[in-house]
């Protein structure tokens, strides 16, 4: 009696561990989405850690916001050095000609110390929210007050509220995650 030849069982690839410097569910899920879209043949396990951004709760300007994202990635690496990637995401605001706009920076670090970074698109805030931020309130708290919500920064945030959901915050951040992954997708030309 002839038996069919046994096929080798494919060895399952090890999931790469990605640590996000935040427990915010939107930041974790956008990192998951971004990594899986960028590396479509890889498997990733995404975990969040509460680490300090070492900047104000509401960063003002590009420099402070970038530094917050960088510090979140760096501090995640210090706390959990066994991971494959560390991600920092920091939302900020900037004033321009009497108006205020919102954005976020993303910083990704790998074990070799290579850094990928990208910034989201920007959008201008209404004066009612701008005035609250200038008064010392964080953007998420201002959104909650103006739009009568609770904890919107762990949900669709200002971008989702102001676009009536047309721009999903998870996808908004995921695009910046993918752009920050460019050096890791093109290792031979990003040295």
Protein backbone atom coordinates (compact mmCIF):
# COMPACT_ATOMS: atom_id res chain seq x y z
CA UNK A 1 0.00 0.00 0.00
CA UNK A 2 1.40 3.42 -0.95
CA UNK A 3 0.93 6.32 1.39
CA UNK A 4 0.98 9.92 0.19
CA UNK A 5 4.22 11.72 0.89
CA UNK A 6 4.03 13.71 4.11
CA UNK A 7 4.31 17.45 3.70
CA UNK A 8 6.55 19.33 6.05
CA UNK A 9 4.61 21.47 8.41
CA UNK A 10 5.66 25.04 7.87
CA UNK A 11 7.36 26.53 10.84
CA UNK A 12 5.33 29.46 12.10
CA UNK A 13 7.22 32.74 12.13
CA UNK A 14 7.93 34.31 15.48
CA UNK A 15 5.81 37.36 16.18
CA UNK A 16 7.86 40.50 16.52
CA UNK A 17 7.14 42.47 19.67
CA UNK A 18 6.31 46.16 19.32
CA UNK A 19 6.03 48.27 22.46
CA UNK A 20 3.97 51.48 22.30
CA UNK A 21 4.84 54.14 24.87
CA UNK A 22 1.21 54.56 25.92
CA UNK A 23 -1.75 52.53 27.15
CA UNK A 24 -4.11 54.63 24.98
CA UNK A 25 -6.13 52.06 22.99
CA UNK A 26 -6.13 54.24 19.85
CA UNK A 27 -2.33 54.50 19.87
CA UNK A 28 -2.01 50.73 20.31
CA UNK A 29 -4.53 49.87 17.59
CA UNK A 30 -3.11 52.38 15.07
CA UNK A 31 0.36 50.90 15.65
CA UNK A 32 -1.05 47.43 15.04
CA UNK A 33 -2.75 48.60 11.84
CA UNK A 34 0.32 50.49 10.58
CA UNK A 35 2.82 47.68 11.21
CA UNK A 36 0.59 45.05 9.62
CA UNK A 37 -0.07 47.22 6.56
CA UNK A 38 3.61 48.07 6.12
CA UNK A 39 4.92 44.54 6.70
CA UNK A 40 2.14 42.44 5.19
CA UNK A 41 4.01 39.15 5.58
CA UNK A 42 5.15 39.66 9.16
CA UNK A 43 3.40 38.92 12.44
CA UNK A 44 3.48 41.47 15.24
CA UNK A 45 2.37 41.53 18.84
CA UNK A 46 1.62 45.12 19.93
CA UNK A 47 1.66 46.02 23.62
CA UNK A 48 1.29 49.34 25.39
CA UNK A 49 3.31 50.64 28.33
CA UNK A 50 2.71 53.70 30.47
CA UNK A 51 5.91 55.71 30.16
CA UNK A 52 6.66 59.38 30.52
CA UNK A 53 6.88 61.72 27.55
CA UNK A 54 8.95 64.09 29.71
CA UNK A 55 7.10 67.04 28.14
CA UNK A 56 3.99 69.01 29.16
CA UNK A 57 0.64 67.19 29.11
CA UNK A 58 -0.26 69.39 26.16
CA UNK A 59 2.87 69.84 24.06
CA UNK A 60 3.04 73.12 22.16
CA UNK A 61 5.01 73.26 18.93
CA UNK A 62 6.87 70.82 16.73
CA UNK A 63 9.98 70.60 18.88
CA UNK A 64 8.22 69.74 22.15
CA UNK A 65 5.78 67.35 20.46
CA UNK A 66 8.55 65.51 18.60
CA UNK A 67 10.55 65.29 21.83
CA UNK A 68 7.53 63.77 23.60
CA UNK A 69 7.20 61.09 20.92
CA UNK A 70 10.93 60.38 20.96
CA UNK A 71 10.96 60.14 24.77
CA UNK A 72 8.02 57.74 24.76
CA UNK A 73 9.86 55.43 22.33
CA UNK A 74 13.18 55.76 24.20
CA UNK A 75 11.61 55.21 27.63
CA UNK A 76 9.71 52.17 26.32
CA UNK A 77 13.02 50.72 25.16
CA UNK A 78 14.57 51.40 28.57
CA UNK A 79 11.68 49.66 30.38
CA UNK A 80 11.33 46.73 27.96
CA UNK A 81 14.63 46.28 26.04
CA UNK A 82 13.70 42.79 24.73
CA UNK A 83 11.24 44.12 22.11
CA UNK A 84 11.83 44.41 18.36
CA UNK A 85 10.48 47.96 17.97
CA UNK A 86 9.50 50.80 20.30
CA UNK A 87 6.93 53.41 19.26
CA UNK A 88 6.23 56.87 20.62
CA UNK A 89 3.18 58.87 19.53
CA UNK A 90 2.61 62.37 20.83
CA UNK A 91 -0.16 64.77 19.88
CA UNK A 92 0.56 68.48 19.91
CA UNK A 93 -0.70 71.87 18.89
CA UNK A 94 0.96 74.89 17.27
CA UNK A 95 -0.09 78.48 16.79
CA UNK A 96 0.14 80.16 13.42
CA UNK A 97 -1.07 83.67 12.61
CA UNK A 98 -3.48 83.73 15.56
CA UNK A 99 -4.93 80.28 14.89
CA UNK A 100 -4.07 76.88 16.36
CA UNK A 101 -3.66 73.58 14.58
CA UNK A 102 -3.29 70.02 15.86
CA UNK A 103 -1.02 67.18 14.74
CA UNK A 104 0.99 64.27 16.12
CA UNK A 105 4.57 63.03 15.82
CA UNK A 106 5.47 59.33 15.59
CA UNK A 107 8.95 58.01 16.45
CA UNK A 108 9.96 54.36 16.01
CA UNK A 109 13.24 52.88 17.27
CA UNK A 110 14.67 49.44 16.49
CA UNK A 111 17.30 47.45 18.45
CA UNK A 112 20.15 48.87 16.34
CA UNK A 113 19.16 52.42 17.32
CA UNK A 114 17.78 53.27 13.88
CA UNK A 115 15.04 55.88 14.15
CA UNK A 116 12.03 56.35 11.90
CA UNK A 117 9.90 59.45 12.31
CA UNK A 118 6.88 61.04 10.70
CA UNK A 119 4.28 63.68 11.39
CA UNK A 120 0.55 63.41 10.76
CA UNK A 121 -1.43 65.82 8.64
CA UNK A 122 -2.48 69.00 10.44
CA UNK A 123 -5.91 70.52 10.98
CA UNK A 124 -7.00 73.81 12.48
CA UNK A 125 -9.00 73.95 15.68
CA UNK A 126 -12.04 76.15 16.32
CA UNK A 127 -11.48 79.21 18.51
CA UNK A 128 -13.60 77.79 21.35
CA UNK A 129 -11.13 74.89 21.72
CA UNK A 130 -8.08 77.08 21.06
CA UNK A 131 -9.13 79.42 23.89
CA UNK A 132 -9.41 76.51 26.34
CA UNK A 133 -5.96 75.20 25.36
CA UNK A 134 -4.46 78.66 25.76
CA UNK A 135 -6.08 78.68 29.21
CA UNK A 136 -4.06 75.58 30.15
CA UNK A 137 -6.40 72.75 29.16
CA UNK A 138 -5.27 69.68 27.23
CA UNK A 139 -6.84 69.19 23.76
CA UNK A 140 -8.70 66.04 24.82
CA UNK A 141 -10.22 67.76 27.87
CA UNK A 142 -11.19 70.75 25.72
CA UNK A 143 -12.90 68.41 23.24
CA UNK A 144 -14.78 66.74 26.09
CA UNK A 145 -15.97 70.09 27.44
CA UNK A 146 -16.97 71.64 24.12
CA UNK A 147 -18.61 68.54 22.65
CA UNK A 148 -20.02 67.17 25.93
CA UNK A 149 -18.07 63.90 25.73
CA UNK A 150 -16.01 61.78 28.08
CA UNK A 151 -12.42 60.70 27.45
CA UNK A 152 -12.46 61.54 23.74
CA UNK A 153 -8.66 61.33 23.60
CA UNK A 154 -8.98 57.57 24.05
CA UNK A 155 -11.50 57.49 21.23
CA UNK A 156 -11.75 59.30 17.92
CA UNK A 157 -10.32 62.55 19.34
CA UNK A 158 -10.58 66.02 17.85
CA UNK A 159 -9.93 64.84 14.29
CA UNK A 160 -12.82 62.38 14.43
CA UNK A 161 -15.18 64.78 16.18
CA UNK A 162 -14.46 67.73 13.88
CA UNK A 163 -14.78 65.65 10.68
CA UNK A 164 -17.96 63.90 11.90
CA UNK A 165 -16.06 60.62 11.72
CA UNK A 166 -14.92 61.06 8.11
CA UNK A 167 -11.33 60.90 9.35
CA UNK A 168 -10.85 58.00 11.72
CA UNK A 169 -8.16 58.77 14.33
CA UNK A 170 -6.80 55.20 14.20
CA UNK A 171 -6.25 55.46 10.43
CA UNK A 172 -5.00 59.06 10.75
CA UNK A 173 -2.23 57.91 13.11
CA UNK A 174 -1.63 54.63 11.22
CA UNK A 175 -0.60 56.57 8.13
CA UNK A 176 2.12 58.32 10.14
CA UNK A 177 3.18 54.95 11.61
CA UNK A 178 3.67 53.60 8.08
CA UNK A 179 5.62 56.71 7.04
CA UNK A 180 7.84 56.38 10.13
CA UNK A 181 8.53 52.77 9.09
CA UNK A 182 10.07 53.83 5.76
CA UNK A 183 13.68 53.45 7.02
CA UNK A 184 12.89 49.92 8.19
CA UNK A 185 11.22 49.02 4.91
CA UNK A 186 14.21 50.33 2.93
CA UNK A 187 17.17 49.23 5.06
CA UNK A 188 19.73 49.41 2.25
CA UNK A 189 19.20 53.11 1.54
CA UNK A 190 18.49 54.30 5.11
CA UNK A 191 21.74 53.62 6.90
